[in-house]
Amino acid sequence: MTDRNEAHADALDTLHGALSAAVNANQRIPCRVPGHGAAWTSDAYDDRAEAAEACAPCPILDQCRDAGQFEPWGVWAGIDRSPTKRKPDNRQEISQ
């Protein structure tokens, strides 16, 4: 395993432990609210933007940020890591 892969695995293990501890302590984890988790990996920019804002009060932001630095897609610790942030609007305004 490469150093990068080991660092990624360690960061994910740390995140998992922090997530488990937070859930056991009845702390609210925004990405784990039933019915809302899909926004963090949505194809829709607006969904991911809302998810990123919802991360602000999360008690495990540091661990999520550490794990997210290795991820190519989705919202991690309030950061949208998706390669395409917003699709261009191809509609043209018609002025008269």
PDB file of N, CA and C in Angstrom:
ATOM      1  N   MET A   1       0.855  -1.174   0.000  1.00  0.00           N
ATOM      2  CA  MET A   1       0.000   0.000   0.000  1.00  0.00           C
ATOM      3  C   MET A   1       0.901   1.237   0.000  1.00  0.00           C
ATOM      4  N   THR A   2       0.541   2.222  -0.807  1.00  0.00           N
ATOM      5  CA  THR A   2       1.339   3.440  -0.875  1.00  0.00           C
ATOM      6  C   THR A   2       1.096   4.311   0.349  1.00  0.00           C
ATOM      7  N   ASP A   3       1.993   5.253   0.577  1.00  0.00           N
ATOM      8  CA  ASP A   3       1.833   6.170   1.705  1.00  0.00           C
ATOM      9  C   ASP A   3       0.513   6.920   1.613  1.00  0.00           C
ATOM     10  N   ARG A   4       0.161   7.335   0.388  1.00  0.00           N
ATOM     11  CA  ARG A   4      -1.107   8.062   0.209  1.00  0.00           C
ATOM     12  C   ARG A   4      -2.292   7.183   0.554  1.00  0.00           C
ATOM     13  N   ASN A   5      -2.267   5.938   0.103  1.00  0.00           N
ATOM     14  CA  ASN A   5      -3.366   5.017   0.411  1.00  0.00           C
ATOM     15  C   ASN A   5      -3.456   4.744   1.905  1.00  0.00           C
ATOM     16  N   GLU A   6      -2.320   4.615   2.560  1.00  0.00           N
ATOM     17  CA  GLU A   6      -2.312   4.403   4.010  1.00  0.00           C
ATOM     18  C   GLU A   6      -2.869   5.616   4.738  1.00  0.00           C
ATOM     19  N   ALA A   7      -2.478   6.809   4.290  1.00  0.00           N
ATOM     20  CA  ALA A   7      -2.982   8.034   4.908  1.00  0.00           C
ATOM     21  C   ALA A   7      -4.493   8.145   4.721  1.00  0.00           C
ATOM     22  N   HIS A   8      -4.960   7.772   3.534  1.00  0.00           N
ATOM     23  CA  HIS A   8      -6.393   7.804   3.254  1.00  0.00           C
ATOM     24  C   HIS A   8      -7.122   6.816   4.164  1.00  0.00           C
ATOM     25  N   ALA A   9      -6.617   5.604   4.255  1.00  0.00           N
ATOM     26  CA  ALA A   9      -7.235   4.588   5.101  1.00  0.00           C
ATOM     27  C   ALA A   9      -7.246   5.029   6.566  1.00  0.00           C
ATOM     28  N   ASP A  10      -6.161   5.606   7.024  1.00  0.00           N
ATOM     29  CA  ASP A  10      -6.094   6.096   8.408  1.00  0.00           C
ATOM     30  C   ASP A  10      -7.110   7.210   8.645  1.00  0.00           C
ATOM     31  N   ALA A  11      -7.223   8.128   7.680  1.00  0.00           N
ATOM     32  CA  ALA A  11      -8.173   9.238   7.815  1.00  0.00           C
ATOM     33  C   ALA A  11      -9.609   8.717   7.833  1.00  0.00           C
ATOM     34  N   LEU A  12      -9.907   7.723   7.007  1.00  0.00           N
ATOM     35  CA  LEU A  12     -11.251   7.145   7.005  1.00  0.00           C
ATOM     36  C   LEU A  12     -11.542   6.415   8.311  1.00  0.00           C
ATOM     37  N   ASP A  13     -10.553   5.708   8.848  1.00  0.00           N
ATOM     38  CA  ASP A  13     -10.725   5.038  10.137  1.00  0.00           C
ATOM     39  C   ASP A  13     -11.000   6.050  11.249  1.00  0.00           C
ATOM     40  N   THR A  14     -10.260   7.150  11.223  1.00  0.00           N
ATOM     41  CA  THR A  14     -10.450   8.197  12.225  1.00  0.00           C
ATOM     42  C   THR A  14     -11.831   8.820  12.090  1.00  0.00           C
ATOM     43  N   LEU A  15     -12.248   9.074  10.848  1.00  0.00           N
ATOM     44  CA  LEU A  15     -13.575   9.632  10.614  1.00  0.00           C
ATOM     45  C   LEU A  15     -14.652   8.674  11.106  1.00  0.00           C
ATOM     46  N   HIS A  16     -14.506   7.406  10.804  1.00  0.00           N
ATOM     47  CA  HIS A  16     -15.486   6.414  11.241  1.00  0.00           C
ATOM     48  C   HIS A  16     -15.596   6.387  12.765  1.00  0.00           C
ATOM     49  N   GLY A  17     -14.448   6.428  13.441  1.00  0.00           N
ATOM     50  CA  GLY A  17     -14.458   6.436  14.904  1.00  0.00           C
ATOM     51  C   GLY A  17     -15.129   7.681  15.460  1.00  0.00           C
ATOM     52  N   ALA A  18     -14.835   8.836  14.859  1.00  0.00           N
ATOM     53  CA  ALA A  18     -15.442  10.094  15.304  1.00  0.00           C
ATOM     54  C   ALA A  18     -16.944  10.088  15.044  1.00  0.00           C
ATOM     55  N   LEU A  19     -17.340   9.547  13.900  1.00  0.00           N
ATOM     56  CA  LEU A  19     -18.761   9.462  13.566  1.00  0.00           C
ATOM     57  C   LEU A  19     -19.491   8.560  14.558  1.00  0.00           C
ATOM     58  N   SER A  20     -18.916   7.426  14.848  1.00  0.00           N
ATOM     59  CA  SER A  20     -19.528   6.503  15.808  1.00  0.00           C
ATOM     60  C   SER A  20     -19.657   7.144  17.188  1.00  0.00           C
ATOM     61  N   ALA A  21     -18.601   7.815  17.627  1.00  0.00           N
ATOM     62  CA  ALA A  21     -18.631   8.477  18.938  1.00  0.00           C
ATOM     63  C   ALA A  21     -19.683   9.583  18.968  1.00  0.00           C
ATOM     64  N   ALA A  22     -19.775  10.361  17.895  1.00  0.00           N
ATOM     65  CA  ALA A  22     -20.755  11.450  17.836  1.00  0.00           C
ATOM     66  C   ALA A  22     -22.182  10.903  17.854  1.00  0.00           C
ATOM     67  N   VAL A  23     -22.430   9.852  17.102  1.00  0.00           N
ATOM     68  CA  VAL A  23     -23.763   9.246  17.081  1.00  0.00           C
ATOM     69  C   VAL A  23     -24.097   8.677  18.456  1.00  0.00           C
ATOM     70  N   ASN A  24     -23.154   8.006  19.083  1.00  0.00           N
ATOM     71  CA  ASN A  24     -23.380   7.447  20.416  1.00  0.00           C
ATOM     72  C   ASN A  24     -23.640   8.528  21.457  1.00  0.00           C
ATOM     73  N   ALA A  25     -23.098   9.719  21.231  1.00  0.00           N
ATOM     74  CA  ALA A  25     -23.308  10.847  22.143  1.00  0.00           C
ATOM     75  C   ALA A  25     -24.537  11.667  21.744  1.00  0.00           C
ATOM     76  N   ASN A  26     -25.317  11.137  20.811  1.00  0.00           N
ATOM     77  CA  ASN A  26     -26.523  11.811  20.318  1.00  0.00           C
ATOM     78  C   ASN A  26     -26.249  13.188  19.724  1.00  0.00           C
ATOM     79  N   GLN A  27     -25.082  13.346  19.115  1.00  0.00           N
ATOM     80  CA  GLN A  27     -24.772  14.591  18.417  1.00  0.00           C
ATOM     81  C   GLN A  27     -25.350  14.509  17.012  1.00  0.00           C
ATOM     82  N   ARG A  28     -25.786  15.645  16.507  1.00  0.00           N
ATOM     83  CA  ARG A  28     -26.391  15.690  15.175  1.00  0.00           C
ATOM     84  C   ARG A  28     -25.298  15.792  14.115  1.00  0.00           C
ATOM     85  N   ILE A  29     -25.302  14.850  13.204  1.00  0.00           N
ATOM     86  CA  ILE A  29     -24.372  14.825  12.083  1.00  0.00           C
ATOM     87  C   ILE A  29     -25.205  15.140  10.841  1.00  0.00           C
ATOM     88  N   PRO A  30     -25.028  16.328  10.235  1.00  0.00           N
ATOM     89  CA  PRO A  30     -25.907  16.745   9.142  1.00  0.00           C
ATOM     90  C   PRO A  30     -26.027  15.750   7.983  1.00  0.00           C
ATOM     91  N   CYS A  31     -24.936  15.115   7.592  1.00  0.00           N
ATOM     92  CA  CYS A  31     -25.002  14.196   6.454  1.00  0.00           C
ATOM     93  C   CYS A  31     -25.659  12.865   6.814  1.00  0.00           C
ATOM     94  N   ARG A  32     -25.959  12.671   8.072  1.00  0.00           N
ATOM     95  CA  ARG A  32     -26.595  11.426   8.517  1.00  0.00           C
ATOM     96  C   ARG A  32     -28.054  11.615   8.907  1.00  0.00           C
ATOM     97  N   VAL A  33     -28.617  12.794   8.628  1.00  0.00           N
ATOM     98  CA  VAL A  33     -30.029  13.026   8.904  1.00  0.00           C
ATOM     99  C   VAL A  33     -30.835  12.201   7.910  1.00  0.00           C
ATOM    100  N   PRO A  34     -31.732  11.339   8.394  1.00  0.00           N
ATOM    101  CA  PRO A  34     -32.496  10.490   7.485  1.00  0.00           C
ATOM    102  C   PRO A  34     -33.187  11.303   6.382  1.00  0.00           C
ATOM    103  N   GLY A  35     -33.012  10.824   5.154  1.00  0.00           N
ATOM    104  CA  GLY A  35     -33.639  11.457   4.009  1.00  0.00           C
ATOM    105  C   GLY A  35     -32.858  12.608   3.397  1.00  0.00           C
ATOM    106  N   HIS A  36     -31.719  12.991   3.978  1.00  0.00           N
ATOM    107  CA  HIS A  36     -30.959  14.126   3.465  1.00  0.00           C
ATOM    108  C   HIS A  36     -29.540  13.775   3.019  1.00  0.00           C
ATOM    109  N   GLY A  37     -29.080  12.593   3.288  1.00  0.00           N
ATOM    110  CA  GLY A  37     -27.705  12.213   3.006  1.00  0.00           C
ATOM    111  C   GLY A  37     -27.315  12.234   1.537  1.00  0.00           C
ATOM    112  N   ALA A  38     -28.273  12.047   0.653  1.00  0.00           N
ATOM    113  CA  ALA A  38     -27.959  11.997  -0.778  1.00  0.00           C
ATOM    114  C   ALA A  38     -27.445  13.328  -1.315  1.00  0.00           C
ATOM    115  N   ALA A  39     -27.761  14.423  -0.657  1.00  0.00           N
ATOM    116  CA  ALA A  39     -27.329  15.743  -1.139  1.00  0.00           C
ATOM    117  C   ALA A  39     -25.807  15.862  -1.161  1.00  0.00           C
ATOM    118  N   TRP A  40     -25.117  15.167  -0.280  1.00  0.00           N
ATOM    119  CA  TRP A  40     -23.664  15.283  -0.184  1.00  0.00           C
ATOM    120  C   TRP A  40     -22.949  14.660  -1.387  1.00  0.00           C
ATOM    121  N   THR A  41     -23.631  13.797  -2.108  1.00  0.00           N
ATOM    122  CA  THR A  41     -23.036  13.178  -3.296  1.00  0.00           C
ATOM    123  C   THR A  41     -23.910  13.362  -4.533  1.00  0.00           C
ATOM    124  N   SER A  42     -24.816  14.297  -4.475  1.00  0.00           N
ATOM    125  CA  SER A  42     -25.741  14.538  -5.581  1.00  0.00           C
ATOM    126  C   SER A  42     -25.007  15.005  -6.834  1.00  0.00           C
ATOM    127  N   ASP A  43     -25.586  14.702  -7.980  1.00  0.00           N
ATOM    128  CA  ASP A  43     -25.077  15.235  -9.241  1.00  0.00           C
ATOM    129  C   ASP A  43     -25.448  16.711  -9.401  1.00  0.00           C
ATOM    130  N   ALA A  44     -26.427  17.164  -8.640  1.00  0.00           N
ATOM    131  CA  ALA A  44     -26.923  18.539  -8.761  1.00  0.00           C
ATOM    132  C   ALA A  44     -26.092  19.499  -7.902  1.00  0.00           C
ATOM    133  N   TYR A  45     -25.561  20.511  -8.547  1.00  0.00           N
ATOM    134  CA  TYR A  45     -24.750  21.513  -7.847  1.00  0.00           C
ATOM    135  C   TYR A  45     -25.513  22.131  -6.669  1.00  0.00           C
ATOM    136  N   ASP A  46     -26.770  22.509  -6.883  1.00  0.00           N
ATOM    137  CA  ASP A  46     -27.537  23.176  -5.831  1.00  0.00           C
ATOM    138  C   ASP A  46     -27.705  22.281  -4.604  1.00  0.00           C
ATOM    139  N   ASP A  47     -27.904  20.996  -4.806  1.00  0.00           N
ATOM    140  CA  ASP A  47     -28.003  20.063  -3.670  1.00  0.00           C
ATOM    141  C   ASP A  47     -26.698  20.039  -2.887  1.00  0.00           C
ATOM    142  N   ARG A  48     -25.573  19.966  -3.618  1.00  0.00           N
ATOM    143  CA  ARG A  48     -24.274  19.917  -2.940  1.00  0.00           C
ATOM    144  C   ARG A  48     -23.977  21.235  -2.235  1.00  0.00           C
ATOM    145  N   ALA A  49     -24.396  22.357  -2.811  1.00  0.00           N
ATOM    146  CA  ALA A  49     -24.186  23.660  -2.174  1.00  0.00           C
ATOM    147  C   ALA A  49     -24.942  23.735  -0.849  1.00  0.00           C
ATOM    148  N   GLU A  50     -26.179  23.237  -0.831  1.00  0.00           N
ATOM    149  CA  GLU A  50     -26.956  23.208   0.411  1.00  0.00           C
ATOM    150  C   GLU A  50     -26.309  22.263   1.427  1.00  0.00           C
ATOM    151  N   ALA A  51     -25.807  21.144   0.950  1.00  0.00           N
ATOM    152  CA  ALA A  51     -25.138  20.200   1.842  1.00  0.00           C
ATOM    153  C   ALA A  51     -23.898  20.837   2.466  1.00  0.00           C
ATOM    154  N   ALA A  52     -23.135  21.549   1.664  1.00  0.00           N
ATOM    155  CA  ALA A  52     -21.926  22.200   2.170  1.00  0.00           C
ATOM    156  C   ALA A  52     -22.263  23.189   3.284  1.00  0.00           C
ATOM    157  N   GLU A  53     -23.334  23.945   3.113  1.00  0.00           N
ATOM    158  CA  GLU A  53     -23.762  24.892   4.148  1.00  0.00           C
ATOM    159  C   GLU A  53     -24.225  24.161   5.395  1.00  0.00           C
ATOM    160  N   ALA A  54     -24.883  23.030   5.209  1.00  0.00           N
ATOM    161  CA  ALA A  54     -25.403  22.269   6.341  1.00  0.00           C
ATOM    162  C   ALA A  54     -24.285  21.677   7.203  1.00  0.00           C
ATOM    163  N   CYS A  55     -23.083  21.589   6.677  1.00  0.00           N
ATOM    164  CA  CYS A  55     -21.954  21.026   7.422  1.00  0.00           C
ATOM    165  C   CYS A  55     -21.485  21.919   8.576  1.00  0.00           C
ATOM    166  N   ALA A  56     -21.771  23.196   8.507  1.00  0.00           N
ATOM    167  CA  ALA A  56     -21.199  24.164   9.446  1.00  0.00           C
ATOM    168  C   ALA A  56     -21.262  23.747  10.921  1.00  0.00           C
ATOM    169  N   PRO A  57     -22.396  23.253  11.433  1.00  0.00           N
ATOM    170  CA  PRO A  57     -22.435  22.907  12.860  1.00  0.00           C
ATOM    171  C   PRO A  57     -21.942  21.498  13.201  1.00  0.00           C
ATOM    172  N   CYS A  58     -21.451  20.778  12.228  1.00  0.00           N
ATOM    173  CA  CYS A  58     -21.061  19.379  12.450  1.00  0.00           C
ATOM    174  C   CYS A  58     -19.912  19.277  13.446  1.00  0.00           C
ATOM    175  N   PRO A  59     -20.029  18.379  14.422  1.00  0.00           N
ATOM    176  CA  PRO A  59     -18.978  18.234  15.429  1.00  0.00           C
ATOM    177  C   PRO A  59     -17.737  17.475  14.963  1.00  0.00           C
ATOM    178  N   ILE A  60     -17.766  16.924  13.762  1.00  0.00           N
ATOM    179  CA  ILE A  60     -16.609  16.148  13.301  1.00  0.00           C
ATOM    180  C   ILE A  60     -16.024  16.717  12.000  1.00  0.00           C
ATOM    181  N   LEU A  61     -16.070  18.032  11.857  1.00  0.00           N
ATOM    182  CA  LEU A  61     -15.561  18.667  10.633  1.00  0.00           C
ATOM    183  C   LEU A  61     -14.082  18.376  10.392  1.00  0.00           C
ATOM    184  N   ASP A  62     -13.272  18.430  11.422  1.00  0.00           N
ATOM    185  CA  ASP A  62     -11.834  18.205  11.227  1.00  0.00           C
ATOM    186  C   ASP A  62     -11.546  16.819  10.672  1.00  0.00           C
ATOM    187  N   GLN A  63     -12.183  15.816  11.245  1.00  0.00           N
ATOM    188  CA  GLN A  63     -11.963  14.448  10.777  1.00  0.00           C
ATOM    189  C   GLN A  63     -12.503  14.259   9.362  1.00  0.00           C
ATOM    190  N   CYS A  64     -13.627  14.891   9.068  1.00  0.00           N
ATOM    191  CA  CYS A  64     -14.208  14.809   7.726  1.00  0.00           C
ATOM    192  C   CYS A  64     -13.303  15.498   6.706  1.00  0.00           C
ATOM    193  N   ARG A  65     -12.767  16.652   7.070  1.00  0.00           N
ATOM    194  CA  ARG A  65     -11.854  17.374   6.172  1.00  0.00           C
ATOM    195  C   ARG A  65     -10.615  16.533   5.887  1.00  0.00           C
ATOM    196  N   ASP A  66     -10.074  15.880   6.919  1.00  0.00           N
ATOM    197  CA  ASP A  66      -8.891  15.049   6.718  1.00  0.00           C
ATOM    198  C   ASP A  66      -9.170  13.881   5.776  1.00  0.00           C
ATOM    199  N   ALA A  67     -10.323  13.252   5.940  1.00  0.00           N
ATOM    200  CA  ALA A  67     -10.674  12.133   5.060  1.00  0.00           C
ATOM    201  C   ALA A  67     -11.032  12.636   3.664  1.00  0.00           C
ATOM    202  N   GLY A  68     -11.706  13.756   3.585  1.00  0.00           N
ATOM    203  CA  GLY A  68     -12.167  14.283   2.317  1.00  0.00           C
ATOM    204  C   GLY A  68     -11.076  14.743   1.378  1.00  0.00           C
ATOM    205  N   GLN A  69      -9.914  15.060   1.923  1.00  0.00           N
ATOM    206  CA  GLN A  69      -8.841  15.542   1.047  1.00  0.00           C
ATOM    207  C   GLN A  69      -8.414  14.490   0.021  1.00  0.00           C
ATOM    208  N   PHE A  70      -8.767  13.245   0.248  1.00  0.00           N
ATOM    209  CA  PHE A  70      -8.406  12.159  -0.668  1.00  0.00           C
ATOM    210  C   PHE A  70      -9.541  11.823  -1.643  1.00  0.00           C
ATOM    211  N   GLU A  71     -10.691  12.457  -1.464  1.00  0.00           N
ATOM    212  CA  GLU A  71     -11.878  12.101  -2.238  1.00  0.00           C
ATOM    213  C   GLU A  71     -12.050  13.004  -3.457  1.00  0.00           C
ATOM    214  N   PRO A  72     -12.410  12.430  -4.607  1.00  0.00           N
ATOM    215  CA  PRO A  72     -12.561  13.225  -5.822  1.00  0.00           C
ATOM    216  C   PRO A  72     -13.972  13.770  -6.047  1.00  0.00           C
ATOM    217  N   TRP A  73     -14.923  13.404  -5.208  1.00  0.00           N
ATOM    218  CA  TRP A  73     -16.309  13.779  -5.465  1.00  0.00           C
ATOM    219  C   TRP A  73     -17.061  13.968  -4.160  1.00  0.00           C
ATOM    220  N   GLY A  74     -18.036  14.838  -4.178  1.00  0.00           N
ATOM    221  CA  GLY A  74     -18.937  15.000  -3.053  1.00  0.00           C
ATOM    222  C   GLY A  74     -18.518  16.115  -2.109  1.00  0.00           C
ATOM    223  N   VAL A  75     -19.351  16.329  -1.116  1.00  0.00           N
ATOM    224  CA  VAL A  75     -19.121  17.368  -0.112  1.00  0.00           C
ATOM    225  C   VAL A  75     -18.488  16.722   1.111  1.00  0.00           C
ATOM    226  N   TRP A  76     -17.362  17.275   1.510  1.00  0.00           N
ATOM    227  CA  TRP A  76     -16.622  16.797   2.677  1.00  0.00           C
ATOM    228  C   TRP A  76     -16.274  18.012   3.537  1.00  0.00           C
ATOM    229  N   ALA A  77     -16.772  18.048   4.753  1.00  0.00           N
ATOM    230  CA  ALA A  77     -16.482  19.136   5.697  1.00  0.00           C
ATOM    231  C   ALA A  77     -16.833  20.501   5.114  1.00  0.00           C
ATOM    232  N   GLY A  78     -17.921  20.559   4.390  1.00  0.00           N
ATOM    233  CA  GLY A  78     -18.374  21.820   3.829  1.00  0.00           C
ATOM    234  C   GLY A  78     -17.681  22.234   2.549  1.00  0.00           C
ATOM    235  N   ILE A  79     -16.855  21.355   1.994  1.00  0.00           N
ATOM    236  CA  ILE A  79     -16.124  21.642   0.766  1.00  0.00           C
ATOM    237  C   ILE A  79     -16.641  20.722  -0.334  1.00  0.00           C
ATOM    238  N   ASP A  80     -17.102  21.321  -1.427  1.00  0.00           N
ATOM    239  CA  ASP A  80     -17.573  20.526  -2.563  1.00  0.00           C
ATOM    240  C   ASP A  80     -16.358  20.141  -3.398  1.00  0.00           C
ATOM    241  N   ARG A  81     -16.011  18.880  -3.374  1.00  0.00           N
ATOM    242  CA  ARG A  81     -14.837  18.387  -4.091  1.00  0.00           C
ATOM    243  C   ARG A  81     -15.177  17.870  -5.489  1.00  0.00           C
ATOM    244  N   SER A  82     -16.388  18.061  -5.923  1.00  0.00           N
ATOM    245  CA  SER A  82     -16.815  17.590  -7.234  1.00  0.00           C
ATOM    246  C   SER A  82     -16.106  18.391  -8.321  1.00  0.00           C
ATOM    247  N   PRO A  83     -15.637  17.709  -9.370  1.00  0.00           N
ATOM    248  CA  PRO A  83     -14.872  18.409 -10.399  1.00  0.00           C
ATOM    249  C   PRO A  83     -15.675  19.455 -11.161  1.00  0.00           C
ATOM    250  N   THR A  84     -16.960  19.230 -11.361  1.00  0.00           N
ATOM    251  CA  THR A  84     -17.797  20.196 -12.049  1.00  0.00           C
ATOM    252  C   THR A  84     -18.678  20.856 -11.009  1.00  0.00           C
ATOM    253  N   LYS A  85     -18.385  22.102 -10.725  1.00  0.00           N
ATOM    254  CA  LYS A  85     -19.124  22.803  -9.681  1.00  0.00           C
ATOM    255  C   LYS A  85     -20.525  23.190 -10.149  1.00  0.00           C
ATOM    256  N   ARG A  86     -20.629  23.744 -11.314  1.00  0.00           N
ATOM    257  CA  ARG A  86     -21.937  24.154 -11.827  1.00  0.00           C
ATOM    258  C   ARG A  86     -21.884  24.044 -13.341  1.00  0.00           C
ATOM    259  N   LYS A  87     -22.936  23.488 -13.882  1.00  0.00           N
ATOM    260  CA  LYS A  87     -23.008  23.401 -15.339  1.00  0.00           C
ATOM    261  C   LYS A  87     -23.337  24.790 -15.881  1.00  0.00           C
ATOM    262  N   PRO A  88     -22.722  25.158 -17.001  1.00  0.00           N
ATOM    263  CA  PRO A  88     -23.016  26.474 -17.563  1.00  0.00           C
ATOM    264  C   PRO A  88     -24.464  26.567 -18.018  1.00  0.00           C
ATOM    265  N   ASP A  89     -25.012  27.736 -17.863  1.00  0.00           N
ATOM    266  CA  ASP A  89     -26.373  27.981 -18.314  1.00  0.00           C
ATOM    267  C   ASP A  89     -26.303  28.367 -19.784  1.00  0.00           C
ATOM    268  N   ASN A  90     -26.768  27.491 -20.638  1.00  0.00           N
ATOM    269  CA  ASN A  90     -26.676  27.717 -22.081  1.00  0.00           C
ATOM    270  C   ASN A  90     -27.850  28.523 -22.639  1.00  0.00           C
ATOM    271  N   ARG A  91     -28.793  28.870 -21.768  1.00  0.00           N
ATOM    272  CA  ARG A  91     -29.928  29.667 -22.251  1.00  0.00           C
ATOM    273  C   ARG A  91     -29.461  31.096 -22.487  1.00  0.00           C
ATOM    274  N   GLN A  92     -29.966  31.694 -23.514  1.00  0.00           N
ATOM    275  CA  GLN A  92     -29.641  33.080 -23.792  1.00  0.00           C
ATOM    276  C   GLN A  92     -30.859  33.944 -23.489  1.00  0.00           C
ATOM    277  N   GLU A  93     -30.594  35.060 -22.849  1.00  0.00           N
ATOM    278  CA  GLU A  93     -31.671  35.978 -22.528  1.00  0.00           C
ATOM    279  C   GLU A  93     -32.101  36.693 -23.803  1.00  0.00           C
ATOM    280  N   ILE A  94     -33.392  36.728 -24.014  1.00  0.00           N
ATOM    281  CA  ILE A  94     -33.921  37.405 -25.199  1.00  0.00           C
ATOM    282  C   ILE A  94     -34.353  38.805 -24.774  1.00  0.00           C
ATOM    283  N   SER A  95     -33.747  39.791 -25.380  1.00  0.00           N
ATOM    284  CA  SER A  95     -34.124  41.183 -25.070  1.00  0.00           C
ATOM    285  C   SER A  95     -34.819  41.793 -26.269  1.00  0.00           C
ATOM    286  N   GLN A  96     -35.834  42.571 -25.984  1.00  0.00           N
ATOM    287  CA  GLN A  96     -36.578  43.199 -27.081  1.00  0.00           C
ATOM    288  C   GLN A  96     -36.557  44.685 -26.931  1.00  0.00           C
TER     289      GLN A  96
END
